[in-house]
Amino acid sequence: MTSPELARSRPRPRAFWADARFFLGLVLIIASVAGVWLLVTTSRQTSPVYAAARTIVPGDIVAADALRVVEVGLGVNAPTYLTADDLGDGLVATRTIGAGELVPISAVGDAGSARTTTVVVRSATEVPASVTAGTVVEVWSAPPEEQGRYGTPAILVSDATVAAVTRDDSMIGGGSASLELVIARSDVSATLAAVAADAALSVVPVAGSAP
């Protein structure tokens, strides 16, 4: 066999880049499998966090009787929700938390720093059926005038949250209602003054504020 024929019959060494591409593909496959396994494992892990057992309005004490424990798969978001380790004395809601909603830590605060309080007012007009605990309303006030008349209504409180409502559906009540409202402390003086002056108070739900 001649030298050229012998050279052609010898196997050529495998190129290094071909081996590198093989190992790179193997690494990618392993990484993909590991990623899928980690995703499935994480999705199956659940954490015990609190959900609201009822509608909690701003200023309400956030205690165990207003909460229920649920097991949910939150992954990396778990630390942002209230757990038994976070629950302590003196916690109040800083915003409305709907019944069944997971309780974010950002929605509670220290009672000592609360900027709201509750007052009870009686509406002089019928309160819409859509107004329930958690509904955000405006409070309008019409000052009393002579001979049982009232002046032009004006907004007394622009942002109040209904904590409770008791309707008087009797013929004597005329559809009026008594409402416990959560209002800013800065609005307390004017509200109490209007109540003391026998002003005609009315509540108007803010659009899109249903709990």
C-alpha atoms as a PDB file:
ATOM      1  CA  MET A   1       0.000   0.000   0.000  1.00  0.00           C
ATOM      2  CA  THR A   2       1.415   3.323  -1.014  1.00  0.00           C
ATOM      3  CA  SER A   3       1.992   6.084   1.458  1.00  0.00           C
ATOM      4  CA  PRO A   4      -0.952   8.255   0.262  1.00  0.00           C
ATOM      5  CA  GLU A   5      -3.313   5.291   0.529  1.00  0.00           C
ATOM      6  CA  LEU A   6      -1.995   4.446   3.990  1.00  0.00           C
ATOM      7  CA  ALA A   7      -2.532   8.018   5.143  1.00  0.00           C
ATOM      8  CA  ARG A   8      -6.108   8.004   3.917  1.00  0.00           C
ATOM      9  CA  SER A   9      -6.878   4.729   5.694  1.00  0.00           C
ATOM     10  CA  ARG A  10      -5.741   5.975   9.106  1.00  0.00           C
ATOM     11  CA  PRO A  11      -8.580   7.415  11.317  1.00  0.00           C
ATOM     12  CA  ARG A  12      -8.315  11.119  11.886  1.00  0.00           C
ATOM     13  CA  PRO A  13      -8.174  12.323  15.516  1.00  0.00           C
ATOM     14  CA  ARG A  14     -11.515  13.744  16.851  1.00  0.00           C
ATOM     15  CA  ALA A  15     -11.534  17.533  16.842  1.00  0.00           C
ATOM     16  CA  PHE A  16     -11.419  19.107  20.293  1.00  0.00           C
ATOM     17  CA  TRP A  17     -14.320  21.420  19.526  1.00  0.00           C
ATOM     18  CA  ALA A  18     -16.567  18.417  18.878  1.00  0.00           C
ATOM     19  CA  ASP A  19     -15.822  16.996  22.352  1.00  0.00           C
ATOM     20  CA  ALA A  20     -16.408  20.389  23.940  1.00  0.00           C
ATOM     21  CA  ARG A  21     -19.780  20.709  22.206  1.00  0.00           C
ATOM     22  CA  PHE A  22     -20.782  17.271  23.485  1.00  0.00           C
ATOM     23  CA  PHE A  23     -19.926  18.122  27.095  1.00  0.00           C
ATOM     24  CA  LEU A  24     -21.620  21.511  26.817  1.00  0.00           C
ATOM     25  CA  GLY A  25     -24.803  19.833  25.593  1.00  0.00           C
ATOM     26  CA  LEU A  26     -24.603  17.367  28.473  1.00  0.00           C
ATOM     27  CA  VAL A  27     -24.233  20.202  30.982  1.00  0.00           C
ATOM     28  CA  LEU A  28     -27.254  22.015  29.514  1.00  0.00           C
ATOM     29  CA  ILE A  29     -29.391  18.876  29.764  1.00  0.00           C
ATOM     30  CA  ILE A  30     -28.400  18.336  33.397  1.00  0.00           C
ATOM     31  CA  ALA A  31     -29.096  21.993  34.226  1.00  0.00           C
ATOM     32  CA  SER A  32     -32.510  21.808  32.552  1.00  0.00           C
ATOM     33  CA  VAL A  33     -33.489  18.673  34.463  1.00  0.00           C
ATOM     34  CA  ALA A  34     -32.287  20.190  37.742  1.00  0.00           C
ATOM     35  CA  GLY A  35     -34.254  23.375  37.056  1.00  0.00           C
ATOM     36  CA  VAL A  36     -37.475  21.477  36.401  1.00  0.00           C
ATOM     37  CA  TRP A  37     -36.961  19.370  39.533  1.00  0.00           C
ATOM     38  CA  LEU A  38     -36.352  22.481  41.645  1.00  0.00           C
ATOM     39  CA  LEU A  39     -39.447  24.199  40.222  1.00  0.00           C
ATOM     40  CA  VAL A  40     -41.667  21.189  40.919  1.00  0.00           C
ATOM     41  CA  THR A  41     -40.236  20.749  44.410  1.00  0.00           C
ATOM     42  CA  THR A  42     -40.718  24.429  45.274  1.00  0.00           C
ATOM     43  CA  SER A  43     -44.284  24.489  43.954  1.00  0.00           C
ATOM     44  CA  ARG A  44     -45.191  21.564  46.199  1.00  0.00           C
ATOM     45  CA  GLN A  45     -43.904  23.265  49.340  1.00  0.00           C
ATOM     46  CA  THR A  46     -46.521  25.180  51.311  1.00  0.00           C
ATOM     47  CA  SER A  47     -46.288  27.639  54.181  1.00  0.00           C
ATOM     48  CA  PRO A  48     -48.810  28.330  56.968  1.00  0.00           C
ATOM     49  CA  VAL A  49     -49.929  31.958  56.763  1.00  0.00           C
ATOM     50  CA  TYR A  50     -52.925  33.905  58.025  1.00  0.00           C
ATOM     51  CA  ALA A  51     -56.006  34.799  56.020  1.00  0.00           C
ATOM     52  CA  ALA A  52     -58.793  37.093  57.210  1.00  0.00           C
ATOM     53  CA  ALA A  53     -61.718  35.129  58.658  1.00  0.00           C
ATOM     54  CA  ARG A  54     -63.942  38.180  58.127  1.00  0.00           C
ATOM     55  CA  THR A  55     -63.613  41.649  56.678  1.00  0.00           C
ATOM     56  CA  ILE A  56     -61.084  43.600  58.735  1.00  0.00           C
ATOM     57  CA  VAL A  57     -61.281  47.377  58.469  1.00  0.00           C
ATOM     58  CA  PRO A  58     -58.586  49.954  59.259  1.00  0.00           C
ATOM     59  CA  GLY A  59     -58.093  50.305  62.998  1.00  0.00           C
ATOM     60  CA  ASP A  60     -59.432  46.833  63.833  1.00  0.00           C
ATOM     61  CA  ILE A  61     -57.326  44.767  66.204  1.00  0.00           C
ATOM     62  CA  VAL A  62     -55.662  41.983  64.221  1.00  0.00           C
ATOM     63  CA  ALA A  63     -55.949  39.044  66.610  1.00  0.00           C
ATOM     64  CA  ALA A  64     -56.247  35.281  66.235  1.00  0.00           C
ATOM     65  CA  ASP A  65     -60.057  35.336  66.392  1.00  0.00           C
ATOM     66  CA  ALA A  66     -60.184  37.432  63.217  1.00  0.00           C
ATOM     67  CA  LEU A  67     -57.819  35.129  61.327  1.00  0.00           C
ATOM     68  CA  ARG A  68     -57.508  31.567  60.107  1.00  0.00           C
ATOM     69  CA  VAL A  69     -54.421  29.599  59.128  1.00  0.00           C
ATOM     70  CA  VAL A  70     -54.137  28.420  55.530  1.00  0.00           C
ATOM     71  CA  GLU A  71     -51.438  26.384  53.792  1.00  0.00           C
ATOM     72  CA  VAL A  72     -50.417  27.980  50.527  1.00  0.00           C
ATOM     73  CA  GLY A  73     -47.493  27.651  48.143  1.00  0.00           C
ATOM     74  CA  LEU A  74     -45.997  31.139  48.092  1.00  0.00           C
ATOM     75  CA  GLY A  75     -42.364  30.317  47.388  1.00  0.00           C
ATOM     76  CA  VAL A  76     -40.117  33.332  47.859  1.00  0.00           C
ATOM     77  CA  ASN A  77     -43.159  35.521  48.654  1.00  0.00           C
ATOM     78  CA  ALA A  78     -43.968  33.673  51.900  1.00  0.00           C
ATOM     79  CA  PRO A  79     -42.084  36.141  54.189  1.00  0.00           C
ATOM     80  CA  THR A  80     -44.333  39.007  53.023  1.00  0.00           C
ATOM     81  CA  TYR A  81     -47.450  37.509  54.641  1.00  0.00           C
ATOM     82  CA  LEU A  82     -48.482  37.375  58.291  1.00  0.00           C
ATOM     83  CA  THR A  83     -47.634  34.197  60.220  1.00  0.00           C
ATOM     84  CA  ALA A  84     -47.964  33.102  63.837  1.00  0.00           C
ATOM     85  CA  ASP A  85     -44.452  34.399  64.490  1.00  0.00           C
ATOM     86  CA  ASP A  86     -45.503  37.900  63.397  1.00  0.00           C
ATOM     87  CA  LEU A  87     -48.732  38.009  65.372  1.00  0.00           C
ATOM     88  CA  GLY A  88     -48.430  39.965  68.619  1.00  0.00           C
ATOM     89  CA  ASP A  89     -50.369  42.242  70.908  1.00  0.00           C
ATOM     90  CA  GLY A  90     -51.287  45.678  69.642  1.00  0.00           C
ATOM     91  CA  LEU A  91     -51.437  44.981  65.910  1.00  0.00           C
ATOM     92  CA  VAL A  92     -54.118  46.849  63.945  1.00  0.00           C
ATOM     93  CA  ALA A  93     -55.114  46.864  60.312  1.00  0.00           C
ATOM     94  CA  THR A  94     -53.891  49.832  58.307  1.00  0.00           C
ATOM     95  CA  ARG A  95     -56.181  49.117  55.357  1.00  0.00           C
ATOM     96  CA  THR A  96     -59.251  47.032  54.633  1.00  0.00           C
ATOM     97  CA  ILE A  97     -58.486  43.305  54.403  1.00  0.00           C
ATOM     98  CA  GLY A  98     -61.282  41.382  52.722  1.00  0.00           C
ATOM     99  CA  ALA A  99     -62.643  38.118  54.094  1.00  0.00           C
ATOM    100  CA  GLY A 100     -60.497  35.244  52.838  1.00  0.00           C
ATOM    101  CA  GLU A 101     -57.634  37.509  51.748  1.00  0.00           C
ATOM    102  CA  LEU A 102     -54.114  36.521  52.769  1.00  0.00           C
ATOM    103  CA  VAL A 103     -52.905  39.114  55.269  1.00  0.00           C
ATOM    104  CA  PRO A 104     -49.831  41.008  54.028  1.00  0.00           C
ATOM    105  CA  ILE A 105     -47.455  42.228  56.723  1.00  0.00           C
ATOM    106  CA  SER A 106     -47.677  45.646  55.060  1.00  0.00           C
ATOM    107  CA  ALA A 107     -51.413  45.784  55.906  1.00  0.00           C
ATOM    108  CA  VAL A 108     -50.871  45.772  59.684  1.00  0.00           C
ATOM    109  CA  GLY A 109     -49.132  48.130  62.066  1.00  0.00           C
ATOM    110  CA  ASP A 110     -48.616  49.051  65.676  1.00  0.00           C
ATOM    111  CA  ALA A 111     -51.753  50.284  67.445  1.00  0.00           C
ATOM    112  CA  GLY A 112     -49.829  53.146  68.982  1.00  0.00           C
ATOM    113  CA  SER A 113     -49.092  54.613  65.562  1.00  0.00           C
ATOM    114  CA  ALA A 114     -52.654  54.313  64.231  1.00  0.00           C
ATOM    115  CA  ARG A 115     -53.914  57.486  62.600  1.00  0.00           C
ATOM    116  CA  THR A 116     -57.561  56.453  62.531  1.00  0.00           C
ATOM    117  CA  THR A 117     -60.348  55.980  65.033  1.00  0.00           C
ATOM    118  CA  THR A 118     -64.017  55.017  64.953  1.00  0.00           C
ATOM    119  CA  VAL A 119     -67.108  57.144  65.377  1.00  0.00           C
ATOM    120  CA  VAL A 120     -70.795  56.311  65.165  1.00  0.00           C
ATOM    121  CA  VAL A 121     -73.087  58.470  63.059  1.00  0.00           C
ATOM    122  CA  ARG A 122     -76.699  58.197  62.026  1.00  0.00           C
ATOM    123  CA  SER A 123     -77.582  58.718  58.412  1.00  0.00           C
ATOM    124  CA  ALA A 124     -80.561  60.968  57.760  1.00  0.00           C
ATOM    125  CA  THR A 125     -81.205  59.252  54.436  1.00  0.00           C
ATOM    126  CA  GLU A 126     -81.520  55.661  53.306  1.00  0.00           C
ATOM    127  CA  VAL A 127     -78.196  53.870  53.027  1.00  0.00           C
ATOM    128  CA  PRO A 128     -77.664  51.874  49.812  1.00  0.00           C
ATOM    129  CA  ALA A 129     -77.676  48.088  50.180  1.00  0.00           C
ATOM    130  CA  SER A 130     -74.157  47.993  48.714  1.00  0.00           C
ATOM    131  CA  VAL A 131     -72.795  49.722  51.821  1.00  0.00           C
ATOM    132  CA  THR A 132     -71.427  46.998  54.106  1.00  0.00           C
ATOM    133  CA  ALA A 133     -68.394  46.491  56.338  1.00  0.00           C
ATOM    134  CA  GLY A 134     -65.303  47.509  54.398  1.00  0.00           C
ATOM    135  CA  THR A 135     -67.057  49.914  52.020  1.00  0.00           C
ATOM    136  CA  VAL A 136     -65.336  53.278  51.569  1.00  0.00           C
ATOM    137  CA  VAL A 137     -67.804  56.164  51.768  1.00  0.00           C
ATOM    138  CA  GLU A 138     -68.017  59.938  51.783  1.00  0.00           C
ATOM    139  CA  VAL A 139     -69.872  61.608  54.636  1.00  0.00           C
ATOM    140  CA  TRP A 140     -71.946  64.639  53.652  1.00  0.00           C
ATOM    141  CA  SER A 141     -73.296  67.130  56.148  1.00  0.00           C
ATOM    142  CA  ALA A 142     -76.161  69.610  55.793  1.00  0.00           C
ATOM    143  CA  PRO A 143     -76.257  72.214  58.599  1.00  0.00           C
ATOM    144  CA  PRO A 144     -79.588  72.793  60.373  1.00  0.00           C
ATOM    145  CA  GLU A 145     -81.488  76.008  59.680  1.00  0.00           C
ATOM    146  CA  GLU A 146     -84.709  77.554  60.954  1.00  0.00           C
ATOM    147  CA  GLN A 147     -88.071  75.761  60.800  1.00  0.00           C
ATOM    148  CA  GLY A 148     -86.550  72.300  60.431  1.00  0.00           C
ATOM    149  CA  ARG A 149     -84.784  73.092  57.196  1.00  0.00           C
ATOM    150  CA  TYR A 150     -81.224  72.262  56.294  1.00  0.00           C
ATOM    151  CA  GLY A 151     -78.566  74.099  54.347  1.00  0.00           C
ATOM    152  CA  THR A 152     -76.657  72.945  51.324  1.00  0.00           C
ATOM    153  CA  PRO A 153     -74.857  69.636  51.931  1.00  0.00           C
ATOM    154  CA  ALA A 154     -71.065  69.578  51.765  1.00  0.00           C
ATOM    155  CA  ILE A 155     -68.499  66.844  52.184  1.00  0.00           C
ATOM    156  CA  LEU A 156     -67.606  66.421  55.829  1.00  0.00           C
ATOM    157  CA  VAL A 157     -65.331  63.363  55.496  1.00  0.00           C
ATOM    158  CA  SER A 158     -64.045  62.394  52.070  1.00  0.00           C
ATOM    159  CA  ASP A 159     -62.610  58.993  53.001  1.00  0.00           C
ATOM    160  CA  ALA A 160     -64.315  56.894  55.681  1.00  0.00           C
ATOM    161  CA  THR A 161     -64.488  53.108  55.932  1.00  0.00           C
ATOM    162  CA  VAL A 162     -67.614  51.397  57.204  1.00  0.00           C
ATOM    163  CA  ALA A 163     -66.872  49.099  60.151  1.00  0.00           C
ATOM    164  CA  ALA A 164     -70.509  48.157  60.796  1.00  0.00           C
ATOM    165  CA  VAL A 165     -73.951  49.262  59.658  1.00  0.00           C
ATOM    166  CA  THR A 166     -77.333  48.810  61.336  1.00  0.00           C
ATOM    167  CA  ARG A 167     -80.300  49.649  59.170  1.00  0.00           C
ATOM    168  CA  ASP A 168     -83.689  50.752  60.487  1.00  0.00           C
ATOM    169  CA  ASP A 169     -86.195  49.398  57.975  1.00  0.00           C
ATOM    170  CA  SER A 170     -89.240  50.195  60.065  1.00  0.00           C
ATOM    171  CA  MET A 171     -91.800  52.734  58.917  1.00  0.00           C
ATOM    172  CA  ILE A 172     -90.705  55.061  61.720  1.00  0.00           C
ATOM    173  CA  GLY A 173     -87.038  54.738  60.821  1.00  0.00           C
ATOM    174  CA  GLY A 174     -87.689  55.612  57.200  1.00  0.00           C
ATOM    175  CA  GLY A 175     -84.726  53.555  55.983  1.00  0.00           C
ATOM    176  CA  SER A 176     -82.129  55.472  57.986  1.00  0.00           C
ATOM    177  CA  ALA A 177     -79.133  53.681  59.452  1.00  0.00           C
ATOM    178  CA  SER A 178     -76.550  53.873  62.179  1.00  0.00           C
ATOM    179  CA  LEU A 179     -73.003  53.420  60.966  1.00  0.00           C
ATOM    180  CA  GLU A 180     -69.719  52.826  62.741  1.00  0.00           C
ATOM    181  CA  LEU A 181     -67.123  54.578  60.629  1.00  0.00           C
ATOM    182  CA  VAL A 182     -63.346  54.501  60.623  1.00  0.00           C
ATOM    183  CA  ILE A 183     -62.085  58.014  59.981  1.00  0.00           C
ATOM    184  CA  ALA A 184     -58.808  59.894  60.235  1.00  0.00           C
ATOM    185  CA  ARG A 185     -58.182  61.449  63.634  1.00  0.00           C
ATOM    186  CA  SER A 186     -57.953  64.831  61.923  1.00  0.00           C
ATOM    187  CA  ASP A 187     -61.650  64.500  60.922  1.00  0.00           C
ATOM    188  CA  VAL A 188     -62.928  63.626  64.396  1.00  0.00           C
ATOM    189  CA  SER A 189     -63.466  67.177  65.664  1.00  0.00           C
ATOM    190  CA  ALA A 190     -65.539  68.300  62.672  1.00  0.00           C
ATOM    191  CA  THR A 191     -67.566  65.066  62.693  1.00  0.00           C
ATOM    192  CA  LEU A 192     -68.431  65.298  66.378  1.00  0.00           C
ATOM    193  CA  ALA A 193     -69.324  68.967  65.954  1.00  0.00           C
ATOM    194  CA  ALA A 194     -71.728  68.107  63.129  1.00  0.00           C
ATOM    195  CA  VAL A 195     -73.341  65.360  65.239  1.00  0.00           C
ATOM    196  CA  ALA A 196     -73.685  67.724  68.218  1.00  0.00           C
ATOM    197  CA  ALA A 197     -75.266  70.379  65.992  1.00  0.00           C
ATOM    198  CA  ASP A 198     -77.881  67.895  64.693  1.00  0.00           C
ATOM    199  CA  ALA A 199     -76.683  68.272  61.128  1.00  0.00           C
ATOM    200  CA  ALA A 200     -78.268  65.950  58.567  1.00  0.00           C
ATOM    201  CA  LEU A 201     -75.583  63.397  57.718  1.00  0.00           C
ATOM    202  CA  SER A 202     -75.595  61.155  54.688  1.00  0.00           C
ATOM    203  CA  VAL A 203     -73.132  58.543  53.447  1.00  0.00           C
ATOM    204  CA  VAL A 204     -72.335  58.041  49.777  1.00  0.00           C
ATOM    205  CA  PRO A 205     -70.309  55.000  48.639  1.00  0.00           C
ATOM    206  CA  VAL A 206     -67.180  55.778  46.664  1.00  0.00           C
ATOM    207  CA  ALA A 207     -67.206  54.149  43.226  1.00  0.00           C
ATOM    208  CA  GLY A 208     -65.393  50.824  43.123  1.00  0.00           C
ATOM    209  CA  SER A 209     -65.034  50.591  46.904  1.00  0.00           C
ATOM    210  CA  ALA A 210     -67.026  47.410  47.522  1.00  0.00           C
ATOM    211  CA  PRO A 211     -65.122  45.113  49.922  1.00  0.00           C
END
